[in-house]
């Protein structure tokens, strides 16, 4: 009996590891999106000096090179929802490899800044596509009790990709760095070829013969999928009796889900995350840090990865609402402290009153900000898009929310310096703090807890039942 118990326990552990491994293989594609986001973090000065193919870039060109990635993501997020419904989740994910590869090749062999713009745009197309397909794929292969944890893997691999770009941007020559960027989507494409289509999509398309094999891959060879298949089929039957896209969009559940997802995207980008990441070097310098700016950037990347790992562990333990509220509160506090520091600095109070002893404040605030973002507003908005939209509108509305997110990212990335120059760095950070305070109340009163709830239960709660 003891032998059988040990055997069953070991098999359960292996099955759990298999589920996480399958989610990791899918989320690994987010490394590509992360490397595109972190591309310029530690090579901006090298680009200005012409170390990439002997032509120099000025600040304005660097700004467009950075923001053109967000434009590419914004353009592609919307049609990718229709494509994934038409040809399947797996083929759509594999298609993202091509713009990634072409984009990096354009940058590697660039002879003019326009080629860099085009390359960045294409890596944005791939990254934006992945922001829609990755959460959708993961939510359809995950079991209810670990859906949230697997959903955070996407954000985790994004942060690992950013750190990957930050470290190698500093550690290796420019040409080698870009070939390392190119290797990420190629390796992912090869590995993902051996993945299965999601069982949910196959059931919807009537591919009955392939469903048991897919479940064995995702759940383990001894898993009996009959009950899960029955639940999905019942849900599909209910959907068949329900209204179409436009009719569903008018329902109370869909309206509330749309409001929640779009506002979470708003709070994610208007938290000031891009501004803080962009301004990290100057904040460390202002604080009198003895570390090189390159190392400061890498430290921030390491903190972000560690915090996102904590989020992956805690999201099913603490729930979405608590993490979101804690995230908003801590980010409000940290940006308010950053605003205070720059107010003192701008009015020369640091020198006049001898308050330079608080030089640690911006560093501490920045670390708190990154940790807070990584445990809540970083991963959860993407998870919410895959969790709370009704099935009839999930792919399309999830795409629309992603477009909105990348549009706001473009606005913040491109115009932050202009706004900060016009009204001051301190006022800009105070604005971010006020936005985060409103986010606390939005989460408290509007957003339902989705931890350990099935899709049907979530829809019922959104409908007010």
Protein backbone atom coordinates (compact mmCIF):
# COMPACT_ATOMS: atom_id res chain seq x y z
CA UNK A 1 0.00 0.00 0.00
CA UNK A 2 2.84 2.36 0.88
CA UNK A 3 4.51 1.58 -2.44
CA UNK A 4 1.31 2.45 -4.31
CA UNK A 5 0.95 5.69 -2.34
CA UNK A 6 4.53 6.73 -3.12
CA UNK A 7 4.02 5.79 -6.77
CA UNK A 8 0.83 7.89 -6.98
CA UNK A 9 2.52 10.85 -5.23
CA UNK A 10 5.52 10.75 -7.56
CA UNK A 11 3.20 10.51 -10.57
CA UNK A 12 1.18 13.51 -9.35
CA UNK A 13 4.37 15.53 -8.95
CA UNK A 14 5.55 14.55 -12.44
CA UNK A 15 2.15 15.49 -13.88
CA UNK A 16 2.29 18.90 -12.16
CA UNK A 17 5.83 19.46 -13.44
CA UNK A 18 4.66 18.51 -16.92
CA UNK A 19 1.85 21.10 -16.77
CA UNK A 20 4.23 23.84 -15.71
CA UNK A 21 6.76 22.76 -18.34
CA UNK A 22 4.15 22.96 -21.10
CA UNK A 23 3.18 26.46 -19.94
CA UNK A 24 6.85 27.44 -19.81
CA UNK A 25 7.39 26.30 -23.41
CA UNK A 26 4.49 28.52 -24.50
CA UNK A 27 5.47 31.48 -22.31
CA UNK A 28 9.08 31.16 -23.53
CA UNK A 29 7.95 32.97 -26.67
CA UNK A 30 7.45 36.01 -24.44
CA UNK A 31 11.26 36.11 -24.14
CA UNK A 32 11.23 37.50 -27.68
CA UNK A 33 8.81 40.27 -26.72
CA UNK A 34 10.91 41.01 -23.64
CA UNK A 35 14.15 41.29 -25.62
CA UNK A 36 12.43 43.73 -28.00
CA UNK A 37 11.25 45.84 -25.04
CA UNK A 38 14.68 45.84 -23.38
CA UNK A 39 16.63 46.29 -26.61
CA UNK A 40 17.92 49.84 -26.09
CA UNK A 41 18.33 49.75 -22.30
CA UNK A 42 22.11 49.30 -22.31
CA UNK A 43 23.07 50.12 -25.91
CA UNK A 44 21.65 53.63 -26.43
CA UNK A 45 25.05 55.30 -26.07
CA UNK A 46 26.60 52.74 -28.43
CA UNK A 47 23.92 53.51 -31.02
CA UNK A 48 24.66 57.22 -30.70
CA UNK A 49 28.36 56.52 -31.25
CA UNK A 50 27.68 54.54 -34.43
CA UNK A 51 28.78 51.13 -33.13
CA UNK A 52 25.99 49.47 -35.11
CA UNK A 53 27.17 49.39 -38.76
CA UNK A 54 29.02 52.74 -38.45
CA UNK A 55 26.09 55.17 -38.59
CA UNK A 56 25.15 57.37 -35.67
CA UNK A 57 21.68 58.02 -34.21
CA UNK A 58 20.56 61.14 -32.36
CA UNK A 59 18.11 61.34 -29.45
CA UNK A 60 15.07 61.90 -31.67
CA UNK A 61 15.94 58.88 -33.84
CA UNK A 62 16.45 56.75 -30.72
CA UNK A 63 13.05 57.87 -29.48
CA UNK A 64 11.38 56.78 -32.72
CA UNK A 65 13.34 53.52 -32.76
CA UNK A 66 12.02 52.75 -29.29
CA UNK A 67 8.42 53.79 -29.90
CA UNK A 68 8.12 52.20 -33.37
CA UNK A 69 8.08 48.84 -31.61
CA UNK A 70 4.93 49.85 -29.73
CA UNK A 71 3.34 51.01 -33.00
CA UNK A 72 3.96 47.60 -34.57
CA UNK A 73 2.43 45.89 -31.56
CA UNK A 74 -0.60 48.18 -31.66
CA UNK A 75 -1.23 47.52 -35.37
CA UNK A 76 -1.12 43.73 -35.04
CA UNK A 77 -2.94 43.12 -31.76
CA UNK A 78 -6.38 43.55 -33.27
CA UNK A 79 -6.26 41.23 -36.34
CA UNK A 80 -4.39 38.53 -34.43
CA UNK A 81 -7.59 37.67 -32.52
CA UNK A 82 -9.41 36.83 -35.75
CA UNK A 83 -6.41 34.90 -37.07
CA UNK A 84 -6.17 32.74 -33.92
CA UNK A 85 -9.89 31.92 -34.18
CA UNK A 86 -9.57 31.09 -37.88
CA UNK A 87 -6.43 28.93 -38.06
CA UNK A 88 -5.86 27.90 -34.44
CA UNK A 89 -3.75 28.97 -31.47
CA UNK A 90 -0.62 26.94 -32.32
CA UNK A 91 -0.26 28.04 -35.98
CA UNK A 92 -0.85 31.66 -34.96
CA UNK A 93 1.88 31.47 -32.32
CA UNK A 94 4.31 29.96 -34.84
CA UNK A 95 3.54 32.73 -37.33
CA UNK A 96 4.92 35.30 -34.87
CA UNK A 97 8.39 33.82 -35.32
CA UNK A 98 8.68 35.21 -38.87
CA UNK A 99 8.31 38.95 -38.12
CA UNK A 100 10.63 38.48 -35.15
CA UNK A 101 13.35 36.96 -37.34
CA UNK A 102 12.93 39.42 -40.22
CA UNK A 103 12.89 42.35 -37.80
CA UNK A 104 16.16 41.37 -36.11
CA UNK A 105 17.81 40.69 -39.50
CA UNK A 106 16.85 44.18 -40.69
CA UNK A 107 18.47 45.67 -37.58
CA UNK A 108 21.59 43.48 -37.86
CA UNK A 109 22.22 44.44 -41.51
CA UNK A 110 20.88 48.00 -41.28
CA UNK A 111 22.60 50.63 -43.40
CA UNK A 112 20.16 53.42 -42.60
CA UNK A 113 18.04 54.40 -39.63
CA UNK A 114 14.91 53.56 -41.64
CA UNK A 115 15.93 49.88 -41.59
CA UNK A 116 16.10 50.03 -37.79
CA UNK A 117 12.65 51.62 -37.67
CA UNK A 118 11.30 48.84 -39.92
CA UNK A 119 13.02 46.14 -37.88
CA UNK A 120 11.70 47.54 -34.63
CA UNK A 121 8.21 47.80 -36.12
CA UNK A 122 8.29 44.12 -37.12
CA UNK A 123 9.55 42.96 -33.72
CA UNK A 124 6.64 44.98 -32.32
CA UNK A 125 4.23 43.18 -34.66
CA UNK A 126 5.47 39.85 -33.29
CA UNK A 127 5.54 41.03 -29.67
CA UNK A 128 2.04 42.50 -29.86
CA UNK A 129 0.72 39.31 -31.42
CA UNK A 130 2.21 37.31 -28.60
CA UNK A 131 0.57 39.51 -25.98
CA UNK A 132 -2.78 38.26 -27.30
CA UNK A 133 -2.01 34.64 -28.22
CA UNK A 134 0.12 33.69 -25.19
CA UNK A 135 -2.50 34.41 -22.47
CA UNK A 136 -5.20 32.85 -24.69
CA UNK A 137 -3.18 29.65 -25.26
CA UNK A 138 -2.18 29.35 -21.61
CA UNK A 139 -5.73 29.87 -20.31
CA UNK A 140 -6.98 27.10 -22.61
CA UNK A 141 -4.41 24.52 -21.50
CA UNK A 142 -4.55 25.35 -17.77
CA UNK A 143 -6.70 23.78 -15.09
CA UNK A 144 -8.83 26.12 -13.00
CA UNK A 145 -6.78 25.78 -9.80
CA UNK A 146 -3.48 26.78 -11.46
CA UNK A 147 -4.79 29.01 -14.26
CA UNK A 148 -3.71 32.23 -12.54
CA UNK A 149 -0.22 30.95 -11.77
CA UNK A 150 0.36 29.77 -15.33
CA UNK A 151 -1.07 33.05 -16.60
CA UNK A 152 1.68 35.00 -14.83
CA UNK A 153 4.36 32.99 -16.68
CA UNK A 154 3.83 35.30 -19.67
CA UNK A 155 4.86 38.38 -17.67
CA UNK A 156 7.67 36.42 -16.00
CA UNK A 157 9.25 35.53 -19.33
CA UNK A 158 8.76 39.12 -20.53
CA UNK A 159 10.87 40.31 -17.59
CA UNK A 160 13.46 37.58 -18.20
CA UNK A 161 13.64 38.72 -21.84
CA UNK A 162 14.18 42.32 -20.73
CA UNK A 163 16.95 41.23 -18.35
CA UNK A 164 18.47 39.09 -21.13
CA UNK A 165 18.71 42.19 -23.34
CA UNK A 166 20.05 44.36 -20.51
CA UNK A 167 22.82 41.91 -19.56
CA UNK A 168 24.02 41.04 -23.07
CA UNK A 169 23.66 44.66 -24.22
CA UNK A 170 26.36 45.45 -21.69
CA UNK A 171 28.44 42.26 -21.75
CA UNK A 172 29.05 41.52 -25.45
CA UNK A 173 29.89 43.49 -28.63
CA UNK A 174 27.02 45.08 -30.57
CA UNK A 175 26.97 42.53 -33.42
CA UNK A 176 27.07 39.54 -31.07
CA UNK A 177 24.30 41.12 -28.98
CA UNK A 178 21.95 41.34 -31.97
CA UNK A 179 22.65 37.76 -33.06
CA UNK A 180 21.76 36.68 -29.51
CA UNK A 181 18.48 38.60 -29.92
CA UNK A 182 17.85 36.78 -33.22
CA UNK A 183 18.50 33.38 -31.63
CA UNK A 184 15.60 33.72 -29.15
CA UNK A 185 12.66 33.48 -31.62
CA UNK A 186 14.43 30.83 -33.72
CA UNK A 187 14.94 28.53 -30.71
CA UNK A 188 11.37 29.15 -29.56
CA UNK A 189 9.95 28.31 -33.01
CA UNK A 190 11.83 24.99 -33.11
CA UNK A 191 10.72 24.00 -29.59
CA UNK A 192 7.09 25.08 -30.06
CA UNK A 193 6.73 22.91 -33.18
CA UNK A 194 6.38 19.94 -30.80
CA UNK A 195 3.55 21.55 -28.83
CA UNK A 196 -0.07 20.56 -29.30
CA UNK A 197 -3.03 22.72 -30.26
CA UNK A 198 -5.16 23.60 -27.22
CA UNK A 199 -7.81 20.96 -26.38
CA UNK A 200 -10.44 23.73 -26.07
CA UNK A 201 -9.85 24.89 -29.64
CA UNK A 202 -9.88 21.31 -30.97
CA UNK A 203 -13.18 20.59 -29.23
CA UNK A 204 -14.67 23.74 -30.75
CA UNK A 205 -13.52 22.65 -34.20
CA UNK A 206 -14.70 19.04 -33.76
CA UNK A 207 -11.24 17.43 -34.01
CA UNK A 208 -12.30 14.62 -31.67
CA UNK A 209 -9.60 12.11 -32.64
CA UNK A 210 -6.73 14.40 -31.54
CA UNK A 211 -8.23 15.53 -28.23
CA UNK A 212 -7.14 12.59 -25.95
CA UNK A 213 -3.54 12.87 -27.17
CA UNK A 214 -3.49 16.61 -26.42
CA UNK A 215 -4.84 16.09 -22.91
CA UNK A 216 -2.23 13.41 -22.20
CA UNK A 217 0.48 15.87 -23.24
CA UNK A 218 -0.85 18.67 -21.06
CA UNK A 219 -2.17 16.66 -18.08
CA UNK A 220 -0.12 13.45 -18.04
CA UNK A 221 -0.62 10.00 -19.56
CA UNK A 222 -2.95 8.76 -16.77
CA UNK A 223 -5.31 11.74 -16.91
CA UNK A 224 -8.95 11.02 -17.77
CA UNK A 225 -10.21 14.02 -19.76
CA UNK A 226 -13.83 12.86 -20.09
CA UNK A 227 -15.25 15.18 -17.41
CA UNK A 228 -13.29 18.17 -18.68
CA UNK A 229 -14.39 17.49 -22.27
CA UNK A 230 -17.99 17.17 -21.11
CA UNK A 231 -17.79 20.53 -19.30
CA UNK A 232 -16.38 22.27 -22.38
CA UNK A 233 -19.00 20.70 -24.64
CA UNK A 234 -21.76 21.84 -22.30
CA UNK A 235 -20.31 25.34 -22.37
CA UNK A 236 -20.18 25.22 -26.18
CA UNK A 237 -23.82 24.10 -26.32
CA UNK A 238 -24.74 27.03 -24.10
CA UNK A 239 -22.76 29.37 -26.37
CA UNK A 240 -24.54 27.99 -29.45
CA UNK A 241 -27.84 29.03 -27.91
CA UNK A 242 -26.48 32.44 -26.95
CA UNK A 243 -26.32 35.56 -29.08
CA UNK A 244 -23.56 36.35 -31.55
CA UNK A 245 -20.62 38.72 -31.09
CA UNK A 246 -22.48 42.04 -31.19
CA UNK A 247 -25.40 40.80 -29.11
CA UNK A 248 -23.02 39.32 -26.50
CA UNK A 249 -21.06 42.58 -26.43
CA UNK A 250 -24.22 44.35 -25.23
CA UNK A 251 -24.74 42.06 -22.23
CA UNK A 252 -24.02 43.22 -18.69
CA UNK A 253 -21.20 40.68 -18.24
CA UNK A 254 -19.47 41.73 -21.48
CA UNK A 255 -19.80 45.46 -20.75
CA UNK A 256 -18.34 45.05 -17.26
CA UNK A 257 -15.57 42.76 -18.54
CA UNK A 258 -14.66 45.30 -21.23
CA UNK A 259 -14.57 48.15 -18.70
CA UNK A 260 -12.37 46.13 -16.34
CA UNK A 261 -9.88 44.99 -19.00
CA UNK A 262 -9.51 48.40 -20.63
CA UNK A 263 -9.12 50.18 -17.30
CA UNK A 264 -6.51 47.66 -16.14
CA UNK A 265 -4.55 48.37 -19.33
CA UNK A 266 -4.95 52.10 -18.63
CA UNK A 267 -3.63 51.75 -15.09
CA UNK A 268 -0.76 49.53 -16.23
CA UNK A 269 0.60 52.11 -18.67
CA UNK A 270 -0.37 55.28 -16.76
CA UNK A 271 1.35 53.94 -13.68
CA UNK A 272 4.47 55.48 -15.18
CA UNK A 273 6.28 52.17 -15.70
CA UNK A 274 7.86 53.20 -19.00
CA UNK A 275 8.82 56.60 -17.64
CA UNK A 276 10.40 55.06 -14.55
CA UNK A 277 12.33 52.47 -16.57
CA UNK A 278 13.48 55.17 -18.98
CA UNK A 279 14.51 57.50 -16.14
CA UNK A 280 16.22 54.83 -14.02
CA UNK A 281 19.76 55.88 -14.89
CA UNK A 282 19.21 59.53 -13.99
CA UNK A 283 17.44 58.62 -10.76
CA UNK A 284 20.43 56.54 -9.67
CA UNK A 285 22.80 59.33 -10.72
CA UNK A 286 20.75 61.96 -8.86
CA UNK A 287 20.90 59.82 -5.75
CA UNK A 288 24.69 59.81 -5.90
CA UNK A 289 25.02 56.13 -6.72
CA UNK A 290 28.59 54.98 -7.14
CA UNK A 291 27.53 52.18 -9.49
CA UNK A 292 27.81 52.52 -13.27
CA UNK A 293 24.53 53.29 -15.02
CA UNK A 294 24.78 49.96 -16.89
CA UNK A 295 24.79 48.04 -13.62
CA UNK A 296 21.89 50.11 -12.26
CA UNK A 297 19.77 49.05 -15.23
CA UNK A 298 20.71 45.38 -14.71
CA UNK A 299 19.87 45.57 -11.00
CA UNK A 300 16.41 46.89 -11.84
CA UNK A 301 15.96 44.00 -14.31
CA UNK A 302 16.96 41.43 -11.67
CA UNK A 303 14.55 42.93 -9.13
CA UNK A 304 11.73 42.80 -11.68
CA UNK A 305 12.33 39.10 -12.44
CA UNK A 306 12.45 38.14 -8.74
CA UNK A 307 9.26 40.08 -7.99
CA UNK A 308 7.44 38.45 -10.91
CA UNK A 309 8.47 35.01 -9.62
CA UNK A 310 6.85 35.95 -6.30
CA UNK A 311 3.72 37.00 -8.19
CA UNK A 312 3.60 33.62 -9.95
CA UNK A 313 3.65 31.89 -6.58
CA UNK A 314 1.26 34.21 -4.72
CA UNK A 315 -1.48 34.87 -7.27
CA UNK A 316 -3.42 31.70 -6.41
CA UNK A 317 -2.66 32.08 -2.71
CA UNK A 318 -3.61 35.73 -2.22
CA UNK A 319 -5.91 36.32 -5.20
CA UNK A 320 -5.99 38.95 -7.94
CA UNK A 321 -7.72 41.78 -6.05
CA UNK A 322 -5.33 41.90 -3.09
CA UNK A 323 -2.27 41.89 -5.35
CA UNK A 324 -3.74 44.60 -7.59
CA UNK A 325 -4.65 46.85 -4.65
CA UNK A 326 -1.25 46.33 -3.02
CA UNK A 327 0.41 47.05 -6.36
CA UNK A 328 -1.49 50.33 -6.86
CA UNK A 329 -0.90 51.46 -3.26
CA UNK A 330 2.84 50.79 -3.30
CA UNK A 331 3.27 52.38 -6.73
CA UNK A 332 1.35 55.47 -5.57
CA UNK A 333 3.65 55.72 -2.54
CA UNK A 334 6.86 55.21 -4.52
CA UNK A 335 6.00 57.71 -7.29
CA UNK A 336 4.92 60.27 -4.68
CA UNK A 337 8.31 59.84 -2.96
CA UNK A 338 10.09 60.22 -6.30
CA UNK A 339 8.09 63.40 -6.94
CA UNK A 340 9.04 64.70 -3.50
CA UNK A 341 12.72 63.97 -4.13
CA UNK A 342 12.69 65.89 -7.42
CA UNK A 343 10.75 68.78 -5.86
CA UNK A 344 13.46 69.11 -3.23
CA UNK A 345 16.14 68.79 -5.89
CA UNK A 346 14.51 71.35 -8.21
CA UNK A 347 14.17 73.94 -5.43
CA UNK A 348 17.74 73.25 -4.22
CA UNK A 349 16.39 72.20 -0.83
CA UNK A 350 18.78 69.26 -0.82
CA UNK A 351 21.77 71.59 -0.69
CA UNK A 352 20.17 74.44 1.29
CA UNK A 353 18.89 72.39 4.21
CA UNK A 354 21.41 69.59 4.14
CA UNK A 355 18.87 66.91 3.25
CA UNK A 356 21.32 65.14 0.93
CA UNK A 357 21.31 62.33 3.48
CA UNK A 358 18.08 61.11 1.85
CA UNK A 359 19.94 60.28 -1.36
CA UNK A 360 18.87 56.67 -0.81
CA UNK A 361 15.21 57.69 -1.27
CA UNK A 362 14.99 57.58 -5.09
CA UNK A 363 16.80 54.23 -5.22
CA UNK A 364 14.51 52.72 -2.58
CA UNK A 365 11.43 54.22 -4.29
CA UNK A 366 12.45 52.83 -7.65
CA UNK A 367 12.97 49.32 -6.26
CA UNK A 368 9.58 49.43 -4.47
CA UNK A 369 7.94 50.65 -7.69
CA UNK A 370 9.37 47.81 -9.78
CA UNK A 371 8.44 45.19 -7.18
CA UNK A 372 4.89 46.57 -6.88
CA UNK A 373 4.40 46.64 -10.65
CA UNK A 374 5.69 43.09 -11.03
CA UNK A 375 3.35 41.55 -8.44
CA UNK A 376 0.15 43.17 -9.70
CA UNK A 377 -0.24 45.62 -12.56
CA UNK A 378 2.42 43.86 -14.63
CA UNK A 379 0.95 40.35 -15.07
CA UNK A 380 -2.70 40.61 -14.00
CA UNK A 381 -4.11 42.88 -16.76
CA UNK A 382 -2.98 40.33 -19.38
CA UNK A 383 -4.38 37.48 -17.29
CA UNK A 384 -7.71 39.29 -16.89
CA UNK A 385 -8.21 39.51 -20.66
CA UNK A 386 -8.09 35.73 -20.91
CA UNK A 387 -10.20 35.13 -17.78
CA UNK A 388 -13.21 37.45 -17.76
CA UNK A 389 -14.35 38.04 -21.35
CA UNK A 390 -17.28 35.84 -22.46
CA UNK A 391 -16.06 33.10 -24.85
CA UNK A 392 -17.96 34.58 -27.82
CA UNK A 393 -15.95 37.82 -27.67
CA UNK A 394 -12.76 36.77 -25.85
CA UNK A 395 -10.31 36.73 -28.77
CA UNK A 396 -11.53 39.92 -30.42
CA UNK A 397 -12.03 41.98 -27.27
CA UNK A 398 -8.74 40.72 -25.83
CA UNK A 399 -7.08 41.99 -29.00
CA UNK A 400 -8.79 45.37 -28.68
CA UNK A 401 -7.59 45.69 -25.06
CA UNK A 402 -4.04 44.89 -26.18
CA UNK A 403 -4.25 47.56 -28.91
CA UNK A 404 -5.32 50.08 -26.27
CA UNK A 405 -2.41 49.02 -24.04
CA UNK A 406 0.20 49.44 -26.76
CA UNK A 407 -1.31 52.78 -27.85
CA UNK A 408 -0.88 54.11 -24.31
CA UNK A 409 2.65 52.64 -24.21
CA UNK A 410 3.48 54.60 -27.38
CA UNK A 411 2.10 57.84 -25.92
CA UNK A 412 4.03 57.48 -22.67
CA UNK A 413 7.27 56.32 -24.34
CA UNK A 414 7.31 59.02 -27.01
CA UNK A 415 6.06 62.04 -25.08
CA UNK A 416 7.16 61.50 -21.48
CA UNK A 417 10.28 63.67 -21.84
CA UNK A 418 8.28 66.48 -23.45
CA UNK A 419 5.74 66.48 -20.62
CA UNK A 420 8.41 66.24 -17.91
CA UNK A 421 10.26 69.16 -19.51
CA UNK A 422 7.10 71.27 -19.69
CA UNK A 423 5.70 70.73 -16.17
CA UNK A 424 8.66 69.27 -14.28
CA UNK A 425 9.69 65.76 -13.26
CA UNK A 426 8.16 66.16 -9.81
CA UNK A 427 4.69 67.12 -11.11
CA UNK A 428 4.82 64.21 -13.58
CA UNK A 429 5.49 61.71 -10.79
CA UNK A 430 2.74 63.26 -8.64
CA UNK A 431 0.36 62.71 -11.56
CA UNK A 432 1.34 59.03 -11.73
CA UNK A 433 0.73 58.76 -7.96
CA UNK A 434 -2.77 60.24 -8.24
CA UNK A 435 -3.64 57.81 -11.06
CA UNK A 436 -2.55 54.89 -8.86
CA UNK A 437 -4.68 56.08 -5.93
CA UNK A 438 -7.77 56.03 -8.17
CA UNK A 439 -6.73 52.53 -9.24
CA UNK A 440 -7.06 51.26 -5.65
CA UNK A 441 -10.72 52.26 -5.51
CA UNK A 442 -11.44 50.92 -9.00
CA UNK A 443 -10.10 47.49 -8.04
CA UNK A 444 -11.91 47.54 -4.68
CA UNK A 445 -15.38 48.37 -6.00
CA UNK A 446 -15.45 47.14 -9.62
CA UNK A 447 -13.22 44.11 -10.13
CA UNK A 448 -14.43 40.65 -8.98
CA UNK A 449 -12.08 38.05 -7.53
CA UNK A 450 -11.52 35.26 -10.07
CA UNK A 451 -9.26 32.98 -8.01
CA UNK A 452 -10.33 29.32 -8.22
CA UNK A 453 -13.45 30.16 -10.24
CA UNK A 454 -14.45 28.54 -13.50
CA UNK A 455 -15.17 30.66 -16.57
CA UNK A 456 -18.90 30.01 -16.06
CA UNK A 457 -18.75 31.22 -12.44
CA UNK A 458 -16.87 34.37 -13.48
CA UNK A 459 -19.47 35.18 -16.14
CA UNK A 460 -22.27 34.60 -13.65
CA UNK A 461 -20.72 37.03 -11.17
CA UNK A 462 -20.15 39.67 -13.86
CA UNK A 463 -23.81 39.34 -14.82
CA UNK A 464 -24.80 40.07 -11.22
CA UNK A 465 -26.22 36.61 -10.60
